[in-house]
Amino acid sequence: TLKVMNLDEFYEKEIGVRNLGEILQIVDDIWDLDQDTAEDQTNCLRTERKMEHLKRLLTFCENTRPERLFPHGPLLVQVIKSTEKKAKQLLTEL
């Protein structure tokens, strides 16, 4: 999809496409945690590495400005910023 939009080189240079995909999977897992737990589904926050994943997302948010990465995606930027707050809350609960 990024290749079709001619964005693959930009994201590879800025963050790495694989890294970006992993960060967005952490975002998804944070929002799906309750449902995944209820349905016994795979979720990175249901593993022994959950703290590592939360810290990885927080580091990404601190070091990367999502609005710069996604200038035409204000909704995605808002979701990432909301997820950052939720990740901080989850860390305090561990």
Protein backbone atom coordinates (compact mmCIF):
# COMPACT_ATOMS: atom_id res chain seq x y z
CA THR A 1 0.00 0.00 0.00
CA LEU A 2 2.80 2.42 0.84
CA LYS A 3 4.45 1.61 -2.47
CA VAL A 4 1.27 2.41 -4.40
CA MET A 5 1.13 5.80 -2.65
CA ASN A 6 4.86 6.37 -3.32
CA LEU A 7 5.48 6.61 0.43
CA ASP A 8 7.58 3.50 0.96
CA GLU A 9 10.92 5.29 0.54
CA PHE A 10 9.85 8.14 2.86
CA TYR A 11 8.80 5.79 5.68
CA GLU A 12 11.80 3.52 5.18
CA LYS A 13 14.09 6.54 5.55
CA GLU A 14 12.24 8.10 8.48
CA ILE A 15 11.45 5.09 10.65
CA GLY A 16 11.68 1.83 8.73
CA VAL A 17 8.57 0.26 7.27
CA ARG A 18 8.84 -2.86 9.44
CA ASN A 19 9.34 -0.78 12.58
CA LEU A 20 6.32 1.37 11.67
CA GLY A 21 4.21 -1.74 11.17
CA GLU A 22 5.25 -3.11 14.56
CA ILE A 23 4.46 0.21 16.28
CA LEU A 24 1.01 0.31 14.68
CA GLN A 25 0.44 -3.30 15.81
CA ILE A 26 1.24 -2.25 19.38
CA VAL A 27 -1.26 0.61 19.02
CA ASP A 28 -3.89 -1.87 17.81
CA ASP A 29 -3.12 -4.33 20.62
CA ILE A 30 -3.48 -1.64 23.27
CA TRP A 31 -6.98 -0.79 22.07
CA ASP A 32 -7.94 -4.46 21.61
CA LEU A 33 -6.53 -5.70 24.93
CA ASP A 34 -9.84 -6.20 26.78
CA GLN A 35 -11.52 -7.93 23.86
CA ASP A 36 -8.46 -10.07 23.09
CA THR A 37 -8.27 -11.12 26.73
CA ALA A 38 -11.97 -12.02 26.82
CA GLU A 39 -11.65 -14.02 23.59
CA ASP A 40 -8.24 -15.51 24.48
CA GLN A 41 -6.70 -13.97 21.35
CA THR A 42 -3.06 -13.17 20.63
CA ASN A 43 -1.98 -9.74 21.88
CA CYS A 44 1.53 -8.47 22.61
CA LEU A 45 0.31 -7.10 25.94
CA ARG A 46 -0.69 -10.59 27.06
CA THR A 47 2.93 -11.76 26.98
CA GLU A 48 5.81 -11.49 29.41
CA ARG A 49 7.21 -8.72 27.15
CA LYS A 50 4.24 -6.38 27.63
CA MET A 51 6.29 -3.75 29.47
CA GLU A 52 8.85 -3.79 26.64
CA HIS A 53 6.11 -3.19 24.05
CA LEU A 54 4.56 -0.34 26.04
CA LYS A 55 7.95 1.32 26.49
CA ARG A 56 8.70 0.89 22.79
CA LEU A 57 5.53 2.76 21.87
CA LEU A 58 6.29 5.53 24.38
CA THR A 59 9.83 5.87 23.03
CA PHE A 60 8.43 6.11 19.50
CA CYS A 61 6.00 8.86 20.60
CA GLU A 62 8.76 10.78 22.40
CA ASN A 63 11.28 10.55 19.55
CA THR A 64 8.97 10.84 16.56
CA ARG A 65 6.38 13.46 15.84
CA PRO A 66 3.42 11.48 14.47
CA GLU A 67 2.02 14.62 12.83
CA ARG A 68 5.21 14.86 10.75
CA LEU A 69 5.04 11.20 9.76
CA PHE A 70 1.35 11.39 8.90
CA PRO A 71 0.70 14.97 7.71
CA HIS A 72 -2.46 13.87 5.87
CA GLY A 73 -3.67 11.56 8.62
CA PRO A 74 -4.94 13.71 11.48
CA LEU A 75 -7.19 10.92 12.73
CA LEU A 76 -4.27 8.47 12.88
CA VAL A 77 -2.18 11.08 14.72
CA GLN A 78 -5.00 11.53 17.24
CA VAL A 79 -5.28 7.76 17.73
CA ILE A 80 -1.53 7.43 18.30
CA LYS A 81 -1.52 10.28 20.83
CA SER A 82 -4.52 8.79 22.66
CA THR A 83 -2.78 5.43 22.68
CA GLU A 84 0.31 7.04 24.19
CA LYS A 85 -1.81 8.20 27.15
CA LYS A 86 -3.35 4.75 27.51
CA ALA A 87 0.10 3.13 27.37
CA LYS A 88 1.31 5.37 30.22
CA GLN A 89 -1.74 4.38 32.25
CA LEU A 90 -1.15 0.67 31.58
CA LEU A 91 2.48 1.00 32.68
CA THR A 92 1.44 2.47 36.01
CA GLU A 93 -0.89 -0.49 36.55
CA LEU A 94 1.90 -3.07 36.10
